[in-house]
Amino acid sequence: MRRKTETDPLIQRLRQLAQASPELAAKTHSYEKTLTLLRDADLQAALVPLTSLQIEEKLRHGVPLLANMELDIDVAAARELMIKLADAEAGTIKKGLSLHIQWKKSKPDDHAALRIKTALNDNSLNVGQLLSHVAAGEHGAVSAEAEKQGLDPALLLTMAEN
């Protein structure tokens, strides 16, 4: 069930932060927009069949929890969510409020998210493969694909992880 924005405690807290600290208002608005997209996404997520012992073992060995798992992912829904995230990110970058973690010293340009959106729209990005790499913790493979297509690797990874 989707929560209404007005009654969502997380959204309410973000709005309180914005009122208490006006210098954070633009950033909290950006988080609100992104969190709403993520919360409203209908990805038909299935339960992952891991026991607590399997989880402990993977964590103890530093293995990503979803590595070597057969995941039933609604790739079309994930692709649509990534397109919406790209739209939201394009708006925040233009305002200097990018939510993505900058791994490099360079600031993302305002077209970085739009280039990712274009790659998603024209299917030059294989979302299923991208998500498999993310689930396996293979960030290098995501970065390599991004660089091959002239996309911002950190931004693409952040969007795929969400």
N, C-alpha and C. Protein backbone atom coordinates (compact mmCIF):
# COMPACT_ATOMS: atom_id res chain seq x y z
N MET A 1 0.84 -1.19 0.00
CA MET A 1 0.00 0.00 0.00
C MET A 1 0.88 1.25 0.00
N ARG A 2 0.55 2.18 -0.86
CA ARG A 2 1.32 3.41 -0.96
C ARG A 2 0.89 4.40 0.11
N ARG A 3 1.86 5.03 0.71
CA ARG A 3 1.55 6.03 1.73
C ARG A 3 1.30 7.37 1.06
N LYS A 4 0.38 8.09 1.60
CA LYS A 4 0.16 9.44 1.10
C LYS A 4 1.29 10.32 1.61
N THR A 5 1.75 11.20 0.76
CA THR A 5 2.87 12.06 1.10
C THR A 5 2.60 12.86 2.38
N GLU A 6 1.38 13.34 2.54
CA GLU A 6 1.05 14.19 3.68
C GLU A 6 1.16 13.45 5.02
N THR A 7 0.93 12.14 5.01
CA THR A 7 0.93 11.39 6.27
C THR A 7 2.18 10.53 6.44
N ASP A 8 3.06 10.52 5.47
CA ASP A 8 4.27 9.72 5.54
C ASP A 8 5.22 10.35 6.57
N PRO A 9 5.60 9.61 7.62
CA PRO A 9 6.46 10.20 8.65
C PRO A 9 7.83 10.64 8.13
N LEU A 10 8.37 9.93 7.17
CA LEU A 10 9.67 10.32 6.63
C LEU A 10 9.56 11.64 5.86
N ILE A 11 8.52 11.76 5.07
CA ILE A 11 8.31 13.01 4.32
C ILE A 11 8.03 14.15 5.29
N GLN A 12 7.23 13.88 6.32
CA GLN A 12 6.95 14.90 7.32
C GLN A 12 8.24 15.37 7.99
N ARG A 13 9.14 14.43 8.29
CA ARG A 13 10.42 14.78 8.93
C ARG A 13 11.28 15.63 7.98
N LEU A 14 11.30 15.26 6.71
CA LEU A 14 12.06 16.06 5.74
C LEU A 14 11.52 17.49 5.69
N ARG A 15 10.21 17.62 5.72
CA ARG A 15 9.60 18.96 5.68
C ARG A 15 9.90 19.75 6.96
N GLN A 16 9.94 19.04 8.11
CA GLN A 16 10.31 19.70 9.36
C GLN A 16 11.75 20.21 9.30
N LEU A 17 12.62 19.37 8.74
CA LEU A 17 14.02 19.79 8.58
C LEU A 17 14.12 21.03 7.72
N ALA A 18 13.35 21.07 6.65
CA ALA A 18 13.37 22.22 5.75
C ALA A 18 12.90 23.49 6.46
N GLN A 19 11.89 23.34 7.30
CA GLN A 19 11.39 24.51 8.04
C GLN A 19 12.40 24.96 9.10
N ALA A 20 13.00 24.01 9.78
CA ALA A 20 13.94 24.34 10.84
C ALA A 20 15.26 24.87 10.29
N SER A 21 15.64 24.39 9.14
CA SER A 21 16.91 24.79 8.52
C SER A 21 16.66 25.15 7.06
N PRO A 22 16.25 26.37 6.79
CA PRO A 22 15.90 26.77 5.42
C PRO A 22 17.00 26.49 4.39
N GLU A 23 18.25 26.50 4.83
CA GLU A 23 19.34 26.21 3.88
C GLU A 23 19.30 24.78 3.37
N LEU A 24 18.54 23.91 4.05
CA LEU A 24 18.39 22.51 3.62
C LEU A 24 17.12 22.27 2.80
N ALA A 25 16.32 23.29 2.62
CA ALA A 25 15.01 23.12 1.98
C ALA A 25 15.10 22.51 0.58
N ALA A 26 16.01 23.01 -0.23
CA ALA A 26 16.11 22.48 -1.60
C ALA A 26 16.55 21.02 -1.59
N LYS A 27 17.50 20.69 -0.73
CA LYS A 27 18.01 19.32 -0.65
C LYS A 27 16.92 18.38 -0.12
N THR A 28 16.19 18.79 0.91
CA THR A 28 15.14 17.93 1.45
C THR A 28 14.02 17.74 0.43
N HIS A 29 13.74 18.77 -0.36
CA HIS A 29 12.74 18.63 -1.42
C HIS A 29 13.19 17.59 -2.45
N SER A 30 14.47 17.61 -2.78
CA SER A 30 15.01 16.62 -3.73
C SER A 30 14.90 15.21 -3.17
N TYR A 31 15.23 15.06 -1.88
CA TYR A 31 15.10 13.74 -1.26
C TYR A 31 13.64 13.29 -1.25
N GLU A 32 12.74 14.22 -0.95
CA GLU A 32 11.32 13.88 -0.94
C GLU A 32 10.87 13.35 -2.30
N LYS A 33 11.30 14.02 -3.36
CA LYS A 33 10.93 13.62 -4.72
C LYS A 33 11.45 12.22 -5.03
N THR A 34 12.72 11.98 -4.71
CA THR A 34 13.33 10.68 -4.99
C THR A 34 12.72 9.58 -4.13
N LEU A 35 12.55 9.83 -2.85
CA LEU A 35 11.97 8.82 -1.96
C LEU A 35 10.55 8.46 -2.36
N THR A 36 9.79 9.45 -2.80
CA THR A 36 8.43 9.18 -3.26
C THR A 36 8.44 8.27 -4.48
N LEU A 37 9.34 8.52 -5.42
CA LEU A 37 9.46 7.64 -6.60
C LEU A 37 9.81 6.21 -6.18
N LEU A 38 10.77 6.09 -5.29
CA LEU A 38 11.20 4.76 -4.85
C LEU A 38 10.10 4.04 -4.09
N ARG A 39 9.43 4.75 -3.23
CA ARG A 39 8.38 4.14 -2.42
C ARG A 39 7.17 3.73 -3.28
N ASP A 40 6.87 4.52 -4.30
CA ASP A 40 5.71 4.24 -5.14
C ASP A 40 5.99 3.22 -6.24
N ALA A 41 7.24 2.87 -6.42
CA ALA A 41 7.59 1.92 -7.48
C ALA A 41 6.97 0.55 -7.18
N ASP A 42 6.41 -0.04 -8.21
CA ASP A 42 5.79 -1.37 -8.08
C ASP A 42 6.66 -2.35 -8.86
N LEU A 43 7.70 -2.85 -8.20
CA LEU A 43 8.67 -3.71 -8.87
C LEU A 43 8.36 -5.20 -8.71
N GLN A 44 7.25 -5.52 -8.08
CA GLN A 44 6.86 -6.92 -7.90
C GLN A 44 7.99 -7.71 -7.25
N ALA A 45 8.60 -7.15 -6.23
CA ALA A 45 9.74 -7.78 -5.57
C ALA A 45 9.31 -9.07 -4.88
N ALA A 46 10.13 -10.08 -5.06
CA ALA A 46 9.88 -11.37 -4.42
C ALA A 46 10.82 -11.52 -3.22
N LEU A 47 10.42 -12.35 -2.30
CA LEU A 47 11.28 -12.62 -1.15
C LEU A 47 12.52 -13.39 -1.60
N VAL A 48 13.63 -13.07 -0.99
CA VAL A 48 14.88 -13.77 -1.29
C VAL A 48 15.00 -14.93 -0.31
N PRO A 49 15.16 -16.15 -0.83
CA PRO A 49 15.17 -17.33 0.04
C PRO A 49 16.53 -17.57 0.71
N LEU A 50 16.86 -16.72 1.69
CA LEU A 50 18.09 -16.89 2.45
C LEU A 50 17.74 -17.12 3.91
N THR A 51 18.40 -18.09 4.51
CA THR A 51 18.22 -18.31 5.94
C THR A 51 19.12 -17.34 6.69
N SER A 52 18.88 -17.18 7.98
CA SER A 52 19.73 -16.30 8.77
C SER A 52 21.17 -16.80 8.80
N LEU A 53 21.37 -18.10 8.76
CA LEU A 53 22.72 -18.66 8.72
C LEU A 53 23.42 -18.32 7.41
N GLN A 54 22.70 -18.40 6.30
CA GLN A 54 23.28 -18.05 5.01
C GLN A 54 23.65 -16.56 4.96
N ILE A 55 22.80 -15.75 5.53
CA ILE A 55 23.06 -14.31 5.58
C ILE A 55 24.31 -14.03 6.41
N GLU A 56 24.39 -14.65 7.59
CA GLU A 56 25.56 -14.46 8.45
C GLU A 56 26.84 -14.90 7.74
N GLU A 57 26.78 -16.03 7.04
CA GLU A 57 27.95 -16.56 6.33
C GLU A 57 28.41 -15.60 5.24
N LYS A 58 27.46 -15.09 4.46
CA LYS A 58 27.82 -14.15 3.39
C LYS A 58 28.42 -12.88 3.98
N LEU A 59 27.80 -12.36 5.03
CA LEU A 59 28.31 -11.14 5.65
C LEU A 59 29.70 -11.36 6.24
N ARG A 60 29.90 -12.50 6.85
CA ARG A 60 31.20 -12.81 7.46
C ARG A 60 32.31 -12.84 6.40
N HIS A 61 31.98 -13.29 5.21
CA HIS A 61 32.98 -13.39 4.14
C HIS A 61 32.97 -12.18 3.19
N GLY A 62 32.19 -11.17 3.52
CA GLY A 62 32.16 -9.96 2.70
C GLY A 62 31.53 -10.16 1.34
N VAL A 63 30.64 -11.14 1.23
CA VAL A 63 29.97 -11.43 -0.04
C VAL A 63 28.64 -10.69 -0.07
N PRO A 64 28.36 -9.96 -1.16
CA PRO A 64 27.05 -9.30 -1.25
C PRO A 64 25.92 -10.32 -1.07
N LEU A 65 24.89 -9.95 -0.33
CA LEU A 65 23.80 -10.88 -0.01
C LEU A 65 23.15 -11.47 -1.25
N LEU A 66 23.04 -10.70 -2.32
CA LEU A 66 22.33 -11.19 -3.51
C LEU A 66 23.25 -11.87 -4.53
N ALA A 67 24.55 -11.94 -4.22
CA ALA A 67 25.49 -12.59 -5.13
C ALA A 67 25.13 -14.06 -5.30
N ASN A 68 25.22 -14.53 -6.54
CA ASN A 68 24.94 -15.93 -6.89
C ASN A 68 23.51 -16.36 -6.60
N MET A 69 22.61 -15.40 -6.56
CA MET A 69 21.19 -15.70 -6.34
C MET A 69 20.46 -15.56 -7.67
N GLU A 70 19.52 -16.43 -7.90
CA GLU A 70 18.65 -16.30 -9.07
C GLU A 70 17.52 -15.35 -8.67
N LEU A 71 17.54 -14.16 -9.23
CA LEU A 71 16.56 -13.14 -8.85
C LEU A 71 15.49 -13.00 -9.92
N ASP A 72 14.26 -12.93 -9.48
CA ASP A 72 13.14 -12.73 -10.38
C ASP A 72 12.82 -11.24 -10.35
N ILE A 73 13.38 -10.50 -11.30
CA ILE A 73 13.24 -9.05 -11.34
C ILE A 73 12.34 -8.65 -12.50
N ASP A 74 11.42 -7.76 -12.22
CA ASP A 74 10.59 -7.18 -13.28
C ASP A 74 11.45 -6.11 -13.95
N VAL A 75 12.18 -6.51 -14.97
CA VAL A 75 13.14 -5.62 -15.62
C VAL A 75 12.45 -4.41 -16.23
N ALA A 76 11.29 -4.59 -16.82
CA ALA A 76 10.58 -3.46 -17.42
C ALA A 76 10.21 -2.43 -16.35
N ALA A 77 9.73 -2.89 -15.20
CA ALA A 77 9.38 -1.96 -14.12
C ALA A 77 10.63 -1.28 -13.57
N ALA A 78 11.72 -2.01 -13.45
CA ALA A 78 12.98 -1.43 -12.97
C ALA A 78 13.48 -0.37 -13.95
N ARG A 79 13.36 -0.67 -15.23
CA ARG A 79 13.77 0.28 -16.27
C ARG A 79 12.95 1.56 -16.17
N GLU A 80 11.63 1.41 -16.01
CA GLU A 80 10.75 2.59 -15.89
C GLU A 80 11.10 3.41 -14.66
N LEU A 81 11.41 2.74 -13.55
CA LEU A 81 11.79 3.46 -12.34
C LEU A 81 13.10 4.22 -12.58
N MET A 82 14.05 3.59 -13.24
CA MET A 82 15.32 4.26 -13.52
C MET A 82 15.12 5.48 -14.42
N ILE A 83 14.19 5.39 -15.35
CA ILE A 83 13.88 6.54 -16.21
C ILE A 83 13.31 7.68 -15.36
N LYS A 84 12.40 7.35 -14.45
CA LYS A 84 11.83 8.38 -13.56
C LYS A 84 12.90 8.98 -12.66
N LEU A 85 13.81 8.13 -12.16
CA LEU A 85 14.91 8.63 -11.33
C LEU A 85 15.82 9.55 -12.13
N ALA A 86 16.05 9.20 -13.39
CA ALA A 86 16.88 10.04 -14.26
C ALA A 86 16.22 11.40 -14.47
N ASP A 87 14.91 11.41 -14.66
CA ASP A 87 14.19 12.68 -14.80
C ASP A 87 14.34 13.52 -13.54
N ALA A 88 14.14 12.88 -12.39
CA ALA A 88 14.25 13.59 -11.11
C ALA A 88 15.67 14.09 -10.91
N GLU A 89 16.64 13.26 -11.21
CA GLU A 89 18.04 13.64 -11.04
C GLU A 89 18.42 14.79 -11.97
N ALA A 90 17.91 14.77 -13.19
CA ALA A 90 18.21 15.86 -14.13
C ALA A 90 17.74 17.19 -13.54
N GLY A 91 16.60 17.20 -12.92
CA GLY A 91 16.11 18.42 -12.29
C GLY A 91 16.94 18.87 -11.12
N THR A 92 17.43 17.92 -10.32
CA THR A 92 18.23 18.30 -9.15
C THR A 92 19.62 18.76 -9.55
N ILE A 93 20.20 18.17 -10.57
CA ILE A 93 21.53 18.60 -11.02
C ILE A 93 21.47 20.03 -11.53
N LYS A 94 20.42 20.35 -12.29
CA LYS A 94 20.28 21.71 -12.82
C LYS A 94 20.25 22.73 -11.69
N LYS A 95 19.69 22.33 -10.54
CA LYS A 95 19.60 23.24 -9.40
C LYS A 95 20.83 23.13 -8.49
N GLY A 96 21.80 22.31 -8.87
CA GLY A 96 22.99 22.14 -8.05
C GLY A 96 22.75 21.29 -6.82
N LEU A 97 21.77 20.40 -6.89
CA LEU A 97 21.37 19.61 -5.73
C LEU A 97 21.47 18.12 -5.97
N SER A 98 22.40 17.67 -6.74
CA SER A 98 22.49 16.26 -7.09
C SER A 98 22.51 15.37 -5.86
N LEU A 99 21.70 14.31 -5.90
CA LEU A 99 21.66 13.36 -4.80
C LEU A 99 22.72 12.28 -4.95
N HIS A 100 23.27 12.13 -6.13
CA HIS A 100 24.19 11.00 -6.32
C HIS A 100 25.54 11.26 -5.67
N ILE A 101 26.14 10.19 -5.20
CA ILE A 101 27.43 10.27 -4.53
C ILE A 101 28.50 10.49 -5.59
N GLN A 102 29.29 11.49 -5.41
CA GLN A 102 30.32 11.78 -6.39
C GLN A 102 31.60 11.06 -6.01
N TRP A 103 31.94 10.07 -6.81
CA TRP A 103 33.15 9.30 -6.55
C TRP A 103 34.37 10.04 -7.08
N LYS A 104 34.15 10.90 -8.04
CA LYS A 104 35.24 11.68 -8.62
C LYS A 104 35.12 13.10 -8.11
N LYS A 105 36.16 13.86 -8.31
CA LYS A 105 36.13 15.26 -7.90
C LYS A 105 35.23 16.09 -8.80
N SER A 106 35.00 15.60 -10.01
CA SER A 106 34.21 16.39 -10.96
C SER A 106 32.74 16.42 -10.57
N LYS A 107 32.11 17.51 -10.87
CA LYS A 107 30.68 17.68 -10.63
C LYS A 107 29.94 17.15 -11.85
N PRO A 108 28.84 16.41 -11.64
CA PRO A 108 28.10 15.91 -12.80
C PRO A 108 27.50 17.08 -13.58
N ASP A 109 27.55 16.96 -14.91
CA ASP A 109 26.93 18.02 -15.69
C ASP A 109 25.42 17.77 -15.74
N ASP A 110 24.68 18.79 -16.13
CA ASP A 110 23.23 18.68 -16.08
C ASP A 110 22.66 17.76 -17.14
N HIS A 111 23.51 17.23 -18.00
CA HIS A 111 23.02 16.30 -19.01
C HIS A 111 23.33 14.85 -18.68
N ALA A 112 24.05 14.59 -17.59
CA ALA A 112 24.45 13.22 -17.23
C ALA A 112 23.22 12.32 -17.05
N ALA A 113 22.25 12.80 -16.31
CA ALA A 113 21.04 12.00 -16.08
C ALA A 113 20.24 11.83 -17.36
N LEU A 114 20.22 12.87 -18.18
CA LEU A 114 19.48 12.79 -19.44
C LEU A 114 20.12 11.79 -20.39
N ARG A 115 21.46 11.69 -20.38
CA ARG A 115 22.13 10.69 -21.21
C ARG A 115 21.78 9.27 -20.74
N ILE A 116 21.69 9.09 -19.43
CA ILE A 116 21.28 7.78 -18.90
C ILE A 116 19.85 7.48 -19.31
N LYS A 117 18.99 8.48 -19.21
CA LYS A 117 17.59 8.30 -19.61
C LYS A 117 17.50 7.91 -21.09
N THR A 118 18.28 8.57 -21.93
CA THR A 118 18.28 8.25 -23.36
C THR A 118 18.74 6.81 -23.58
N ALA A 119 19.79 6.40 -22.89
CA ALA A 119 20.30 5.03 -23.03
C ALA A 119 19.25 4.01 -22.57
N LEU A 120 18.48 4.35 -21.55
CA LEU A 120 17.41 3.47 -21.08
C LEU A 120 16.27 3.44 -22.10
N ASN A 121 15.91 4.60 -22.62
CA ASN A 121 14.81 4.68 -23.58
C ASN A 121 15.12 3.96 -24.89
N ASP A 122 16.37 4.04 -25.34
CA ASP A 122 16.68 3.37 -26.60
C ASP A 122 17.22 1.95 -26.41
N ASN A 123 17.14 1.48 -25.17
CA ASN A 123 17.54 0.11 -24.82
C ASN A 123 19.00 -0.21 -25.11
N SER A 124 19.86 0.79 -25.14
CA SER A 124 21.29 0.49 -25.30
C SER A 124 21.91 0.04 -23.98
N LEU A 125 21.19 0.26 -22.87
CA LEU A 125 21.59 -0.27 -21.57
C LEU A 125 20.77 -1.52 -21.29
N ASN A 126 21.42 -2.62 -21.01
CA ASN A 126 20.73 -3.85 -20.65
C ASN A 126 20.46 -3.81 -19.15
N VAL A 127 19.24 -3.44 -18.79
CA VAL A 127 18.89 -3.24 -17.38
C VAL A 127 18.99 -4.54 -16.58
N GLY A 128 18.57 -5.64 -17.16
CA GLY A 128 18.66 -6.92 -16.47
C GLY A 128 20.10 -7.25 -16.11
N GLN A 129 20.99 -7.08 -17.06
CA GLN A 129 22.41 -7.35 -16.82
C GLN A 129 22.99 -6.34 -15.82
N LEU A 130 22.60 -5.09 -15.96
CA LEU A 130 23.04 -4.05 -15.04
C LEU A 130 22.66 -4.39 -13.60
N LEU A 131 21.40 -4.80 -13.40
CA LEU A 131 20.94 -5.13 -12.05
C LEU A 131 21.61 -6.39 -11.52
N SER A 132 21.91 -7.32 -12.39
CA SER A 132 22.64 -8.52 -11.97
C SER A 132 24.02 -8.15 -11.46
N HIS A 133 24.69 -7.24 -12.17
CA HIS A 133 26.01 -6.78 -11.72
C HIS A 133 25.91 -6.08 -10.37
N VAL A 134 24.90 -5.25 -10.19
CA VAL A 134 24.72 -4.53 -8.93
C VAL A 134 24.47 -5.53 -7.80
N ALA A 135 23.59 -6.50 -8.04
CA ALA A 135 23.27 -7.49 -7.00
C ALA A 135 24.50 -8.30 -6.61
N ALA A 136 25.38 -8.54 -7.55
CA ALA A 136 26.59 -9.33 -7.29
C ALA A 136 27.72 -8.47 -6.73
N GLY A 137 27.49 -7.17 -6.60
CA GLY A 137 28.54 -6.30 -6.10
C GLY A 137 29.63 -6.02 -7.12
N GLU A 138 29.31 -6.22 -8.39
CA GLU A 138 30.28 -6.03 -9.47
C GLU A 138 30.22 -4.59 -10.00
N HIS A 139 30.65 -3.68 -9.16
CA HIS A 139 30.58 -2.26 -9.51
C HIS A 139 31.49 -1.93 -10.69
N GLY A 140 32.59 -2.65 -10.81
CA GLY A 140 33.50 -2.41 -11.94
C GLY A 140 32.83 -2.68 -13.27
N ALA A 141 31.98 -3.71 -13.33
CA ALA A 141 31.27 -4.03 -14.57
C ALA A 141 30.27 -2.93 -14.92
N VAL A 142 29.62 -2.36 -13.91
CA VAL A 142 28.67 -1.26 -14.13
C VAL A 142 29.44 -0.04 -14.64
N SER A 143 30.55 0.27 -13.99
CA SER A 143 31.36 1.42 -14.41
C SER A 143 31.90 1.24 -15.82
N ALA A 144 32.35 0.03 -16.14
CA ALA A 144 32.87 -0.23 -17.49
C ALA A 144 31.81 -0.02 -18.55
N GLU A 145 30.60 -0.51 -18.30
CA GLU A 145 29.51 -0.32 -19.26
C GLU A 145 29.15 1.15 -19.39
N ALA A 146 29.12 1.87 -18.27
CA ALA A 146 28.82 3.30 -18.30
C ALA A 146 29.86 4.04 -19.12
N GLU A 147 31.11 3.76 -18.87
CA GLU A 147 32.18 4.45 -19.59
C GLU A 147 32.16 4.11 -21.08
N LYS A 148 31.85 2.85 -21.39
CA LYS A 148 31.75 2.42 -22.79
C LYS A 148 30.69 3.23 -23.54
N GLN A 149 29.62 3.59 -22.82
CA GLN A 149 28.53 4.32 -23.45
C GLN A 149 28.59 5.83 -23.20
N GLY A 150 29.65 6.28 -22.55
CA GLY A 150 29.80 7.72 -22.30
C GLY A 150 28.86 8.23 -21.22
N LEU A 151 28.54 7.37 -20.25
CA LEU A 151 27.64 7.74 -19.16
C LEU A 151 28.43 7.95 -17.87
N ASP A 152 27.85 8.68 -16.94
CA ASP A 152 28.47 8.91 -15.64
C ASP A 152 28.39 7.62 -14.83
N PRO A 153 29.53 6.96 -14.56
CA PRO A 153 29.52 5.67 -13.86
C PRO A 153 28.91 5.73 -12.45
N ALA A 154 29.27 6.76 -11.68
CA ALA A 154 28.76 6.85 -10.31
C ALA A 154 27.25 7.10 -10.30
N LEU A 155 26.79 7.93 -11.21
CA LEU A 155 25.36 8.22 -11.27
C LEU A 155 24.58 6.98 -11.71
N LEU A 156 25.08 6.27 -12.71
CA LEU A 156 24.40 5.06 -13.16
C LEU A 156 24.37 4.02 -12.05
N LEU A 157 25.45 3.84 -11.35
CA LEU A 157 25.50 2.88 -10.25
C LEU A 157 24.52 3.26 -9.14
N THR A 158 24.49 4.53 -8.78
CA THR A 158 23.57 4.98 -7.74
C THR A 158 22.11 4.74 -8.14
N MET A 159 21.78 5.06 -9.39
CA MET A 159 20.41 4.83 -9.86
C MET A 159 20.07 3.35 -9.87
N ALA A 160 21.00 2.50 -10.31
CA ALA A 160 20.74 1.07 -10.38
C ALA A 160 20.62 0.46 -8.99
N GLU A 161 21.40 0.96 -8.05
CA GLU A 161 21.33 0.44 -6.68
C GLU A 161 20.01 0.78 -6.02
N ASN A 162 19.40 1.86 -6.43
CA ASN A 162 18.12 2.25 -5.85
C ASN A 162 17.01 1.43 -6.44
